[in-house]
PDB file of N, CA and C in Angstrom:
ATOM      1  N   MET A   1      96.248 102.654  92.820  1.00  0.00           N
ATOM      2  CA  MET A   1      97.365 102.506  91.918  1.00  0.00           C
ATOM      3  C   MET A   1      98.450 103.576  92.211  1.00  0.00           C
ATOM      4  N   PRO A   2      99.689 103.186  92.351  1.00  0.00           N
ATOM      5  CA  PRO A   2     100.730 104.182  92.689  1.00  0.00           C
ATOM      6  C   PRO A   2     100.820 105.224  91.564  1.00  0.00           C
ATOM      7  N   VAL A   3     101.163 106.409  91.965  1.00  0.00           N
ATOM      8  CA  VAL A   3     101.384 107.561  91.027  1.00  0.00           C
ATOM      9  C   VAL A   3     102.480 107.101  90.065  1.00  0.00           C
ATOM     10  N   GLY A   4     102.283 107.385  88.808  1.00  0.00           N
ATOM     11  CA  GLY A   4     103.359 107.009  87.813  1.00  0.00           C
ATOM     12  C   GLY A   4     103.206 105.661  87.180  1.00  0.00           C
ATOM     13  N   THR A   5     102.188 104.910  87.562  1.00  0.00           N
ATOM     14  CA  THR A   5     102.023 103.579  86.977  1.00  0.00           C
ATOM     15  C   THR A   5     101.635 103.640  85.546  1.00  0.00           C
ATOM     16  N   GLN A   6     102.413 103.100  84.690  1.00  0.00           N
ATOM     17  CA  GLN A   6     102.192 103.094  83.284  1.00  0.00           C
ATOM     18  C   GLN A   6     101.616 101.724  82.735  1.00  0.00           C
ATOM     19  N   SER A   7     101.855 100.667  83.410  1.00  0.00           N
ATOM     20  CA  SER A   7     101.470  99.426  82.967  1.00  0.00           C
ATOM     21  C   SER A   7     101.402  98.446  84.193  1.00  0.00           C
ATOM     22  N   LEU A   8     100.704  97.277  84.045  1.00  0.00           N
ATOM     23  CA  LEU A   8     100.611  96.286  85.016  1.00  0.00           C
ATOM     24  C   LEU A   8     101.080  94.959  84.497  1.00  0.00           C
ATOM     25  N   ALA A   9     101.532  94.098  85.374  1.00  0.00           N
ATOM     26  CA  ALA A   9     101.832  92.756  85.053  1.00  0.00           C
ATOM     27  C   ALA A   9     101.323  91.799  86.147  1.00  0.00           C
ATOM     28  N   LEU A  10     100.835  90.646  85.760  1.00  0.00           N
ATOM     29  CA  LEU A  10     100.158  89.673  86.675  1.00  0.00           C
ATOM     30  C   LEU A  10     100.838  88.318  86.479  1.00  0.00           C
ATOM     31  N   ILE A  11     101.026  87.708  87.644  1.00  0.00           N
ATOM     32  CA  ILE A  11     101.561  86.345  87.584  1.00  0.00           C
ATOM     33  C   ILE A  11     100.788  85.468  88.600  1.00  0.00           C
ATOM     34  N   MET A  12     100.277  84.340  88.130  1.00  0.00           N
ATOM     35  CA  MET A  12      99.599  83.422  88.950  1.00  0.00           C
ATOM     36  C   MET A  12     100.439  82.066  88.919  1.00  0.00           C
ATOM     37  N   TYR A  13     100.802  81.572  90.078  1.00  0.00           N
ATOM     38  CA  TYR A  13     101.716  80.391  90.095  1.00  0.00           C
ATOM     39  C   TYR A  13     101.577  79.593  91.425  1.00  0.00           C
ATOM     40  N   HIS A  14     102.243  78.441  91.431  1.00  0.00           N
ATOM     41  CA  HIS A  14     102.365  77.654  92.616  1.00  0.00           C
ATOM     42  C   HIS A  14     103.634  76.857  92.505  1.00  0.00           C
ATOM     43  N   TYR A  15     104.242  76.467  93.632  1.00  0.00           N
ATOM     44  CA  TYR A  15     105.389  75.564  93.701  1.00  0.00           C
ATOM     45  C   TYR A  15     104.957  74.186  93.860  1.00  0.00           C
ATOM     46  N   PRO A  16     105.197  73.343  92.840  1.00  0.00           N
ATOM     47  CA  PRO A  16     104.735  71.919  92.947  1.00  0.00           C
ATOM     48  C   PRO A  16     105.618  71.205  94.013  1.00  0.00           C
ATOM     49  N   LYS A  17     105.040  70.180  94.532  1.00  0.00           N
ATOM     50  CA  LYS A  17     105.860  69.325  95.509  1.00  0.00           C
ATOM     51  C   LYS A  17     107.150  68.973  94.916  1.00  0.00           C
ATOM     52  N   GLY A  18     108.176  69.076  95.727  1.00  0.00           N
ATOM     53  CA  GLY A  18     109.492  68.724  95.250  1.00  0.00           C
ATOM     54  C   GLY A  18     110.313  69.904  94.722  1.00  0.00           C
ATOM     55  N   THR A  19     109.660  71.086  94.581  1.00  0.00           N
ATOM     56  CA  THR A  19     110.386  72.200  94.098  1.00  0.00           C
ATOM     57  C   THR A  19     110.669  73.183  95.285  1.00  0.00           C
ATOM     58  N   VAL A  20     111.630  73.945  95.179  1.00  0.00           N
ATOM     59  CA  VAL A  20     112.021  74.888  96.270  1.00  0.00           C
ATOM     60  C   VAL A  20     111.925  76.287  95.779  1.00  0.00           C
ATOM     61  N   GLU A  21     111.121  77.022  96.567  1.00  0.00           N
ATOM     62  CA  GLU A  21     110.845  78.467  96.271  1.00  0.00           C
ATOM     63  C   GLU A  21     112.233  79.228  96.281  1.00  0.00           C
ATOM     64  N   GLY A  22     112.448  80.050  95.282  1.00  0.00           N
ATOM     65  CA  GLY A  22     113.670  80.758  95.224  1.00  0.00           C
ATOM     66  C   GLY A  22     114.762  80.082  94.488  1.00  0.00           C
ATOM     67  N   VAL A  23     114.634  78.700  94.299  1.00  0.00           N
ATOM     68  CA  VAL A  23     115.649  77.961  93.575  1.00  0.00           C
ATOM     69  C   VAL A  23     115.046  77.443  92.310  1.00  0.00           C
ATOM     70  N   ASP A  24     113.920  76.782  92.379  1.00  0.00           N
ATOM     71  CA  ASP A  24     113.284  76.211  91.206  1.00  0.00           C
ATOM     72  C   ASP A  24     112.086  77.172  90.671  1.00  0.00           C
ATOM     73  N   PRO A  25     111.879  77.155  89.384  1.00  0.00           N
ATOM     74  CA  PRO A  25     110.774  77.972  88.926  1.00  0.00           C
ATOM     75  C   PRO A  25     109.462  77.265  89.248  1.00  0.00           C
ATOM     76  N   PRO A  26     108.416  78.038  89.592  1.00  0.00           N
ATOM     77  CA  PRO A  26     107.130  77.423  89.900  1.00  0.00           C
ATOM     78  C   PRO A  26     106.374  77.043  88.658  1.00  0.00           C
ATOM     79  N   SER A  27     105.271  76.382  88.837  1.00  0.00           N
ATOM     80  CA  SER A  27     104.301  76.140  87.700  1.00  0.00           C
ATOM     81  C   SER A  27     103.509  77.416  87.571  1.00  0.00           C
ATOM     82  N   GLN A  28     103.440  77.888  86.319  1.00  0.00           N
ATOM     83  CA  GLN A  28     102.802  79.207  86.040  1.00  0.00           C
ATOM     84  C   GLN A  28     101.416  78.913  85.517  1.00  0.00           C
ATOM     85  N   TYR A  29     100.481  79.592  86.059  1.00  0.00           N
ATOM     86  CA  TYR A  29      99.086  79.389  85.582  1.00  0.00           C
ATOM     87  C   TYR A  29      98.573  80.620  84.842  1.00  0.00           C
ATOM     88  N   TRP A  30      99.202  81.747  84.905  1.00  0.00           N
ATOM     89  CA  TRP A  30      98.824  82.884  84.166  1.00  0.00           C
ATOM     90  C   TRP A  30      99.942  83.907  84.228  1.00  0.00           C
ATOM     91  N   LEU A  31     100.505  84.296  83.094  1.00  0.00           N
ATOM     92  CA  LEU A  31     101.480  85.325  82.914  1.00  0.00           C
ATOM     93  C   LEU A  31     100.881  86.303  82.012  1.00  0.00           C
ATOM     94  N   LEU A  32     100.782  87.554  82.446  1.00  0.00           N
ATOM     95  CA  LEU A  32     100.066  88.573  81.721  1.00  0.00           C
ATOM     96  C   LEU A  32     100.827  89.950  81.945  1.00  0.00           C
ATOM     97  N   TRP A  33     101.164  90.578  80.844  1.00  0.00           N
ATOM     98  CA  TRP A  33     101.893  91.832  81.010  1.00  0.00           C
ATOM     99  C   TRP A  33     101.340  92.855  79.973  1.00  0.00           C
ATOM    100  N   ASN A  34     101.745  94.122  80.042  1.00  0.00           N
ATOM    101  CA  ASN A  34     101.249  95.157  79.194  1.00  0.00           C
ATOM    102  C   ASN A  34      99.756  95.391  79.464  1.00  0.00           C
ATOM    103  N   ILE A  35      99.364  95.195  80.668  1.00  0.00           N
ATOM    104  CA  ILE A  35      97.947  95.452  81.120  1.00  0.00           C
ATOM    105  C   ILE A  35      97.874  96.967  81.239  1.00  0.00           C
ATOM    106  N   PRO A  36      96.935  97.651  80.615  1.00  0.00           N
ATOM    107  CA  PRO A  36      96.729  99.092  80.743  1.00  0.00           C
ATOM    108  C   PRO A  36      96.575  99.426  82.201  1.00  0.00           C
ATOM    109  N   SER A  37      97.161 100.536  82.587  1.00  0.00           N
ATOM    110  CA  SER A  37      97.107 100.941  84.073  1.00  0.00           C
ATOM    111  C   SER A  37      95.754 101.362  84.479  1.00  0.00           C
ATOM    112  N   GLY A  38      94.843 101.621  83.614  1.00  0.00           N
ATOM    113  CA  GLY A  38      93.420 101.931  84.062  1.00  0.00           C
ATOM    114  C   GLY A  38      92.574 100.680  84.184  1.00  0.00           C
ATOM    115  N   THR A  39      93.102  99.481  84.049  1.00  0.00           N
ATOM    116  CA  THR A  39      92.327  98.286  84.140  1.00  0.00           C
ATOM    117  C   THR A  39      91.905  98.108  85.583  1.00  0.00           C
ATOM    118  N   VAL A  40      90.631  97.872  85.837  1.00  0.00           N
ATOM    119  CA  VAL A  40      90.231  97.630  87.250  1.00  0.00           C
ATOM    120  C   VAL A  40      89.785  96.194  87.564  1.00  0.00           C
ATOM    121  N   SER A  41      89.643  95.354  86.459  1.00  0.00           N
ATOM    122  CA  SER A  41      89.330  94.020  86.722  1.00  0.00           C
ATOM    123  C   SER A  41      89.694  93.129  85.531  1.00  0.00           C
ATOM    124  N   LEU A  42      89.883  91.839  85.713  1.00  0.00           N
ATOM    125  CA  LEU A  42      90.162  90.919  84.711  1.00  0.00           C
ATOM    126  C   LEU A  42      89.200  89.681  84.895  1.00  0.00           C
ATOM    127  N   PRO A  43      88.386  89.356  84.046  1.00  0.00           N
ATOM    128  CA  PRO A  43      87.582  88.199  84.141  1.00  0.00           C
ATOM    129  C   PRO A  43      88.498  86.940  83.986  1.00  0.00           C
ATOM    130  N   ARG A  44      88.089  85.819  84.695  1.00  0.00           N
ATOM    131  CA  ARG A  44      88.790  84.598  84.590  1.00  0.00           C
ATOM    132  C   ARG A  44      88.998  84.252  83.159  1.00  0.00           C
ATOM    133  N   SER A  45      90.151  83.898  82.737  1.00  0.00           N
ATOM    134  CA  SER A  45      90.577  83.452  81.445  1.00  0.00           C
ATOM    135  C   SER A  45      90.769  84.653  80.404  1.00  0.00           C
ATOM    136  N   ASN A  46      90.434  85.871  80.869  1.00  0.00           N
ATOM    137  CA  ASN A  46      90.742  87.065  80.097  1.00  0.00           C
ATOM    138  C   ASN A  46      90.140  86.987  78.692  1.00  0.00           C
ATOM    139  N   PRO A  47      88.826  86.871  78.558  1.00  0.00           N
ATOM    140  CA  PRO A  47      88.182  86.724  77.278  1.00  0.00           C
ATOM    141  C   PRO A  47      88.323  87.900  76.327  1.00  0.00           C
ATOM    142  N   ASP A  48      88.556  89.109  76.906  1.00  0.00           N
ATOM    143  CA  ASP A  48      88.766  90.292  76.161  1.00  0.00           C
ATOM    144  C   ASP A  48      90.198  90.520  75.718  1.00  0.00           C
ATOM    145  N   SER A  49      91.060  89.601  76.045  1.00  0.00           N
ATOM    146  CA  SER A  49      92.501  89.661  75.642  1.00  0.00           C
ATOM    147  C   SER A  49      93.146  91.017  76.112  1.00  0.00           C
ATOM    148  N   ILE A  50      92.940  91.313  77.340  1.00  0.00           N
ATOM    149  CA  ILE A  50      93.563  92.519  77.868  1.00  0.00           C
ATOM    150  C   ILE A  50      95.054  92.187  78.119  1.00  0.00           C
ATOM    151  N   GLY A  51      95.974  93.045  77.654  1.00  0.00           N
ATOM    152  CA  GLY A  51      97.413  92.808  77.812  1.00  0.00           C
ATOM    153  C   GLY A  51      97.884  91.727  76.908  1.00  0.00           C
ATOM    154  N   ASP A  52      99.076  91.218  77.235  1.00  0.00           N
ATOM    155  CA  ASP A  52      99.746  90.153  76.473  1.00  0.00           C
ATOM    156  C   ASP A  52      99.978  88.967  77.425  1.00  0.00           C
ATOM    157  N   GLU A  53      99.748  87.772  76.893  1.00  0.00           N
ATOM    158  CA  GLU A  53      99.825  86.614  77.755  1.00  0.00           C
ATOM    159  C   GLU A  53     101.025  85.704  77.329  1.00  0.00           C
ATOM    160  N   GLY A  54     101.663  85.054  78.352  1.00  0.00           N
ATOM    161  CA  GLY A  54     102.722  84.092  78.146  1.00  0.00           C
ATOM    162  C   GLY A  54     102.316  82.684  78.202  1.00  0.00           C
ATOM    163  N   SER A  55     103.209  81.882  78.277  1.00  0.00           N
ATOM    164  CA  SER A  55     103.038  80.381  78.179  1.00  0.00           C
ATOM    165  C   SER A  55     102.232  79.845  79.357  1.00  0.00           C
ATOM    166  N   ASP A  56     101.394  78.823  79.059  1.00  0.00           N
ATOM    167  CA  ASP A  56     100.762  78.141  80.157  1.00  0.00           C
ATOM    168  C   ASP A  56     101.694  77.237  80.890  1.00  0.00           C
ATOM    169  N   LYS A  57     101.207  76.621  81.909  1.00  0.00           N
ATOM    170  CA  LYS A  57     102.158  75.809  82.782  1.00  0.00           C
ATOM    171  C   LYS A  57     102.867  74.646  82.111  1.00  0.00           C
ATOM    172  N   ASP A  58     102.167  74.139  80.986  1.00  0.00           N
ATOM    173  CA  ASP A  58     102.787  73.019  80.246  1.00  0.00           C
ATOM    174  C   ASP A  58     103.537  73.548  79.053  1.00  0.00           C
ATOM    175  N   GLY A  59     103.560  74.825  78.749  1.00  0.00           N
ATOM    176  CA  GLY A  59     104.321  75.339  77.562  1.00  0.00           C
ATOM    177  C   GLY A  59     103.658  74.952  76.252  1.00  0.00           C
ATOM    178  N   ASN A  60     102.331  74.658  76.238  1.00  0.00           N
ATOM    179  CA  ASN A  60     101.673  74.266  75.063  1.00  0.00           C
ATOM    180  C   ASN A  60     100.845  75.400  74.417  1.00  0.00           C
ATOM    181  N   ALA A  61     100.508  76.382  75.141  1.00  0.00           N
ATOM    182  CA  ALA A  61      99.593  77.409  74.720  1.00  0.00           C
ATOM    183  C   ALA A  61      99.836  78.642  75.559  1.00  0.00           C
ATOM    184  N   THR A  62      99.306  79.760  75.129  1.00  0.00           N
ATOM    185  CA  THR A  62      99.341  81.036  75.923  1.00  0.00           C
ATOM    186  C   THR A  62      98.034  81.176  76.618  1.00  0.00           C
ATOM    187  N   GLY A  63      98.096  81.912  77.760  1.00  0.00           N
ATOM    188  CA  GLY A  63      96.832  82.241  78.455  1.00  0.00           C
ATOM    189  C   GLY A  63      96.695  81.559  79.867  1.00  0.00           C
ATOM    190  N   TYR A  64      95.581  81.687  80.320  1.00  0.00           N
ATOM    191  CA  TYR A  64      95.101  81.258  81.660  1.00  0.00           C
ATOM    192  C   TYR A  64      94.941  79.736  81.713  1.00  0.00           C
ATOM    193  N   THR A  65      95.437  79.169  82.803  1.00  0.00           N
ATOM    194  CA  THR A  65      95.264  77.711  83.122  1.00  0.00           C
ATOM    195  C   THR A  65      94.589  77.667  84.491  1.00  0.00           C
ATOM    196  N   PRO A  66      93.327  77.119  84.544  1.00  0.00           N
ATOM    197  CA  PRO A  66      92.687  77.081  85.869  1.00  0.00           C
ATOM    198  C   PRO A  66      93.360  76.173  86.847  1.00  0.00           C
ATOM    199  N   PRO A  67      93.399  76.583  88.131  1.00  0.00           N
ATOM    200  CA  PRO A  67      94.064  75.719  89.093  1.00  0.00           C
ATOM    201  C   PRO A  67      93.214  74.535  89.356  1.00  0.00           C
ATOM    202  N   CYS A  68      93.923  73.492  89.789  1.00  0.00           N
ATOM    203  CA  CYS A  68      93.244  72.314  90.177  1.00  0.00           C
ATOM    204  C   CYS A  68      94.149  71.560  91.210  1.00  0.00           C
ATOM    205  N   SER A  69      93.656  71.532  92.446  1.00  0.00           N
ATOM    206  CA  SER A  69      94.436  70.908  93.485  1.00  0.00           C
ATOM    207  C   SER A  69      93.780  69.534  93.775  1.00  0.00           C
ATOM    208  N   PRO A  70      94.443  68.444  93.325  1.00  0.00           N
ATOM    209  CA  PRO A  70      93.890  67.136  93.569  1.00  0.00           C
ATOM    210  C   PRO A  70      93.900  66.765  95.062  1.00  0.00           C
ATOM    211  N   LYS A  71      92.967  65.952  95.437  1.00  0.00           N
ATOM    212  CA  LYS A  71      92.861  65.430  96.784  1.00  0.00           C
ATOM    213  C   LYS A  71      93.381  64.026  96.775  1.00  0.00           C
ATOM    214  N   PRO A  72      94.314  63.699  97.686  1.00  0.00           N
ATOM    215  CA  PRO A  72      94.748  62.311  97.656  1.00  0.00           C
ATOM    216  C   PRO A  72      93.593  61.361  98.035  1.00  0.00           C
ATOM    217  N   TRP A  73      93.557  60.161  97.516  1.00  0.00           N
ATOM    218  CA  TRP A  73      92.475  59.247  97.716  1.00  0.00           C
ATOM    219  C   TRP A  73      92.288  58.947  99.253  1.00  0.00           C
ATOM    220  N   PHE A  74      93.323  59.019 100.061  1.00  0.00           N
ATOM    221  CA  PHE A  74      93.277  58.638 101.443  1.00  0.00           C
ATOM    222  C   PHE A  74      92.966  59.826 102.378  1.00  0.00           C
ATOM    223  N   SER A  75      92.786  61.073 101.736  1.00  0.00           N
ATOM    224  CA  SER A  75      92.577  62.232 102.639  1.00  0.00           C
ATOM    225  C   SER A  75      91.147  62.502 102.921  1.00  0.00           C
ATOM    226  N   ILE A  76      90.889  62.820 104.252  1.00  0.00           N
ATOM    227  CA  ILE A  76      89.574  63.241 104.568  1.00  0.00           C
ATOM    228  C   ILE A  76      89.602  64.797 104.811  1.00  0.00           C
ATOM    229  N   SER A  77      90.754  65.363 104.670  1.00  0.00           N
ATOM    230  CA  SER A  77      90.916  66.781 104.872  1.00  0.00           C
ATOM    231  C   SER A  77      90.308  67.542 103.590  1.00  0.00           C
ATOM    232  N   ARG A  78      89.804  68.733 103.849  1.00  0.00           N
ATOM    233  CA  ARG A  78      89.333  69.625 102.777  1.00  0.00           C
ATOM    234  C   ARG A  78      90.418  70.613 102.377  1.00  0.00           C
ATOM    235  N   LYS A  79      91.556  70.464 103.033  1.00  0.00           N
ATOM    236  CA  LYS A  79      92.600  71.442 102.734  1.00  0.00           C
ATOM    237  C   LYS A  79      93.147  71.213 101.285  1.00  0.00           C
ATOM    238  N   PRO A  80      93.380  72.307 100.501  1.00  0.00           N
ATOM    239  CA  PRO A  80      93.913  72.166  99.138  1.00  0.00           C
ATOM    240  C   PRO A  80      95.381  71.565  99.214  1.00  0.00           C
ATOM    241  N   GLU A  81      95.697  70.838  98.181  1.00  0.00           N
ATOM    242  CA  GLU A  81      97.077  70.315  98.087  1.00  0.00           C
ATOM    243  C   GLU A  81      98.025  71.278  97.577  1.00  0.00           C
ATOM    244  N   HIS A  82      97.613  72.370  96.844  1.00  0.00           N
ATOM    245  CA  HIS A  82      98.503  73.356  96.358  1.00  0.00           C
ATOM    246  C   HIS A  82      98.069  74.746  96.846  1.00  0.00           C
ATOM    247  N   GLN A  83      99.080  75.500  97.125  1.00  0.00           N
ATOM    248  CA  GLN A  83      98.872  76.932  97.466  1.00  0.00           C
ATOM    249  C   GLN A  83      99.209  77.760  96.267  1.00  0.00           C
ATOM    250  N   TYR A  84      98.205  78.514  95.793  1.00  0.00           N
ATOM    251  CA  TYR A  84      98.434  79.346  94.605  1.00  0.00           C
ATOM    252  C   TYR A  84      98.636  80.837  95.047  1.00  0.00           C
ATOM    253  N   PHE A  85      99.471  81.548  94.228  1.00  0.00           N
ATOM    254  CA  PHE A  85      99.836  82.919  94.471  1.00  0.00           C
ATOM    255  C   PHE A  85      99.479  83.732  93.209  1.00  0.00           C
ATOM    256  N   ILE A  86      98.988  84.904  93.445  1.00  0.00           N
ATOM    257  CA  ILE A  86      98.712  85.849  92.391  1.00  0.00           C
ATOM    258  C   ILE A  86      99.374  87.114  92.833  1.00  0.00           C
ATOM    259  N   GLU A  87     100.279  87.562  91.992  1.00  0.00           N
ATOM    260  CA  GLU A  87     101.050  88.848  92.196  1.00  0.00           C
ATOM    261  C   GLU A  87     100.718  89.824  91.106  1.00  0.00           C
ATOM    262  N   LEU A  88     100.462  91.113  91.486  1.00  0.00           N
ATOM    263  CA  LEU A  88     100.163  92.163  90.522  1.00  0.00           C
ATOM    264  C   LEU A  88     101.277  93.236  90.677  1.00  0.00           C
ATOM    265  N   PHE A  89     101.947  93.512  89.654  1.00  0.00           N
ATOM    266  CA  PHE A  89     103.043  94.455  89.648  1.00  0.00           C
ATOM    267  C   PHE A  89     102.593  95.814  88.950  1.00  0.00           C
ATOM    268  N   ALA A  90     102.776  96.883  89.715  1.00  0.00           N
ATOM    269  CA  ALA A  90     102.586  98.198  89.098  1.00  0.00           C
ATOM    270  C   ALA A  90     103.886  98.692  88.502  1.00  0.00           C
ATOM    271  N   LEU A  91     103.954  98.922  87.275  1.00  0.00           N
ATOM    272  CA  LEU A  91     105.235  99.235  86.605  1.00  0.00           C
ATOM    273  C   LEU A  91     105.215 100.709  86.153  1.00  0.00           C
ATOM    274  N   ASN A  92     106.426 101.307  86.230  1.00  0.00           N
ATOM    275  CA  ASN A  92     106.528 102.749  85.793  1.00  0.00           C
ATOM    276  C   ASN A  92     106.790 102.826  84.270  1.00  0.00           C
ATOM    277  N   ALA A  93     106.836 101.775  83.544  1.00  0.00           N
ATOM    278  CA  ALA A  93     107.003 101.697  82.126  1.00  0.00           C
ATOM    279  C   ALA A  93     106.576 100.368  81.633  1.00  0.00           C
ATOM    280  N   PRO A  94     106.172 100.240  80.426  1.00  0.00           N
ATOM    281  CA  PRO A  94     105.867  98.923  79.811  1.00  0.00           C
ATOM    282  C   PRO A  94     107.120  98.073  79.772  1.00  0.00           C
ATOM    283  N   LEU A  95     106.910  96.795  79.808  1.00  0.00           N
ATOM    284  CA  LEU A  95     108.109  95.857  79.726  1.00  0.00           C
ATOM    285  C   LEU A  95     108.572  95.750  78.354  1.00  0.00           C
ATOM    286  N   ALA A  96     109.533  96.656  77.994  1.00  0.00           N
ATOM    287  CA  ALA A  96     110.004  96.765  76.630  1.00  0.00           C
ATOM    288  C   ALA A  96     110.777  95.633  76.084  1.00  0.00           C
ATOM    289  N   THR A  97     111.256  94.723  76.959  1.00  0.00           N
ATOM    290  CA  THR A  97     112.027  93.601  76.484  1.00  0.00           C
ATOM    291  C   THR A  97     111.139  92.407  76.085  1.00  0.00           C
ATOM    292  N   LEU A  98     109.851  92.515  76.461  1.00  0.00           N
ATOM    293  CA  LEU A  98     108.898  91.417  76.082  1.00  0.00           C
ATOM    294  C   LEU A  98     108.145  91.742  74.880  1.00  0.00           C
ATOM    295  N   PRO A  99     107.666  90.752  74.175  1.00  0.00           N
ATOM    296  CA  PRO A  99     106.803  90.952  73.006  1.00  0.00           C
ATOM    297  C   PRO A  99     105.500  91.797  73.291  1.00  0.00           C
ATOM    298  N   THR A 100     105.048  92.443  72.332  1.00  0.00           N
ATOM    299  CA  THR A 100     103.827  93.256  72.413  1.00  0.00           C
ATOM    300  C   THR A 100     102.587  92.403  71.869  1.00  0.00           C
ATOM    301  N   HIS A 101     102.699  91.161  72.094  1.00  0.00           N
ATOM    302  CA  HIS A 101     101.591  90.206  71.718  1.00  0.00           C
ATOM    303  C   HIS A 101     101.747  88.955  72.584  1.00  0.00           C
ATOM    304  N   ASP A 102     100.783  88.159  72.528  1.00  0.00           N
ATOM    305  CA  ASP A 102     100.791  86.849  73.267  1.00  0.00           C
ATOM    306  C   ASP A 102     102.022  86.097  72.739  1.00  0.00           C
ATOM    307  N   ALA A 103     102.758  85.430  73.643  1.00  0.00           N
ATOM    308  CA  ALA A 103     103.988  84.780  73.189  1.00  0.00           C
ATOM    309  C   ALA A 103     104.266  83.538  74.034  1.00  0.00           C
ATOM    310  N   LEU A 104     104.335  82.375  73.373  1.00  0.00           N
ATOM    311  CA  LEU A 104     104.661  81.076  74.014  1.00  0.00           C
ATOM    312  C   LEU A 104     106.044  81.120  74.606  1.00  0.00           C
ATOM    313  N   SER A 105     106.926  81.999  74.044  1.00  0.00           N
ATOM    314  CA  SER A 105     108.277  82.049  74.467  1.00  0.00           C
ATOM    315  C   SER A 105     108.494  82.670  75.824  1.00  0.00           C
ATOM    316  N   VAL A 106     107.423  83.310  76.303  1.00  0.00           N
ATOM    317  CA  VAL A 106     107.594  83.994  77.689  1.00  0.00           C
ATOM    318  C   VAL A 106     106.999  83.046  78.674  1.00  0.00           C
ATOM    319  N   ASP A 107     107.931  82.543  79.553  1.00  0.00           N
ATOM    320  CA  ASP A 107     107.522  81.731  80.612  1.00  0.00           C
ATOM    321  C   ASP A 107     107.923  82.450  81.938  1.00  0.00           C
ATOM    322  N   TRP A 108     107.752  81.739  83.079  1.00  0.00           N
ATOM    323  CA  TRP A 108     108.088  82.411  84.376  1.00  0.00           C
ATOM    324  C   TRP A 108     109.391  83.019  84.402  1.00  0.00           C
ATOM    325  N   THR A 109     110.444  82.254  83.985  1.00  0.00           N
ATOM    326  CA  THR A 109     111.846  82.780  84.086  1.00  0.00           C
ATOM    327  C   THR A 109     112.001  84.025  83.218  1.00  0.00           C
ATOM    328  N   VAL A 110     111.537  84.059  82.044  1.00  0.00           N
ATOM    329  CA  VAL A 110     111.636  85.201  81.201  1.00  0.00           C
ATOM    330  C   VAL A 110     110.914  86.471  81.771  1.00  0.00           C
ATOM    331  N   LEU A 111     109.683  86.244  82.235  1.00  0.00           N
ATOM    332  CA  LEU A 111     108.943  87.345  82.742  1.00  0.00           C
ATOM    333  C   LEU A 111     109.599  87.905  84.012  1.00  0.00           C
ATOM    334  N   ILE A 112     110.011  87.031  84.952  1.00  0.00           N
ATOM    335  CA  ILE A 112     110.639  87.479  86.188  1.00  0.00           C
ATOM    336  C   ILE A 112     111.870  88.170  85.959  1.00  0.00           C
ATOM    337  N   SER A 113     112.689  87.738  84.950  1.00  0.00           N
ATOM    338  CA  SER A 113     114.010  88.354  84.641  1.00  0.00           C
ATOM    339  C   SER A 113     113.817  89.781  84.237  1.00  0.00           C
ATOM    340  N   THR A 114     112.651  90.194  83.695  1.00  0.00           N
ATOM    341  CA  THR A 114     112.441  91.587  83.360  1.00  0.00           C
ATOM    342  C   THR A 114     112.160  92.442  84.560  1.00  0.00           C
ATOM    343  N   GLN A 115     111.820  91.833  85.673  1.00  0.00           N
ATOM    344  CA  GLN A 115     111.471  92.500  86.866  1.00  0.00           C
ATOM    345  C   GLN A 115     112.721  92.956  87.761  1.00  0.00           C
ATOM    346  N   LYS A 116     113.844  92.393  87.407  1.00  0.00           N
ATOM    347  CA  LYS A 116     115.040  92.598  88.220  1.00  0.00           C
ATOM    348  C   LYS A 116     115.849  93.784  87.704  1.00  0.00           C
TER     349      LYS A 116
END
């Protein structure tokens, strides 16, 4: 952990077919902020509610959405159809512009705009 880290933020996402990285927002599978800097692990789906969670990829609920890469019916390849990314940000202060609770209003665009 870098010296001075006060908080962590985590983003799990992928760019669906037809979207352009850097132009279109990706599908978000997990948005999590205000993670205490002493946190050393997060179980899948965050059952202990560590930090605050944003909107799922469909905008219907907050929290973790498990990835699912469908295989086309004609494919014999075992390669996944989607490439997922998980980014962890070490922050020198909590994200004061975001809610201090789980919030459906926080999506990819909202969370990323606080990083700039």
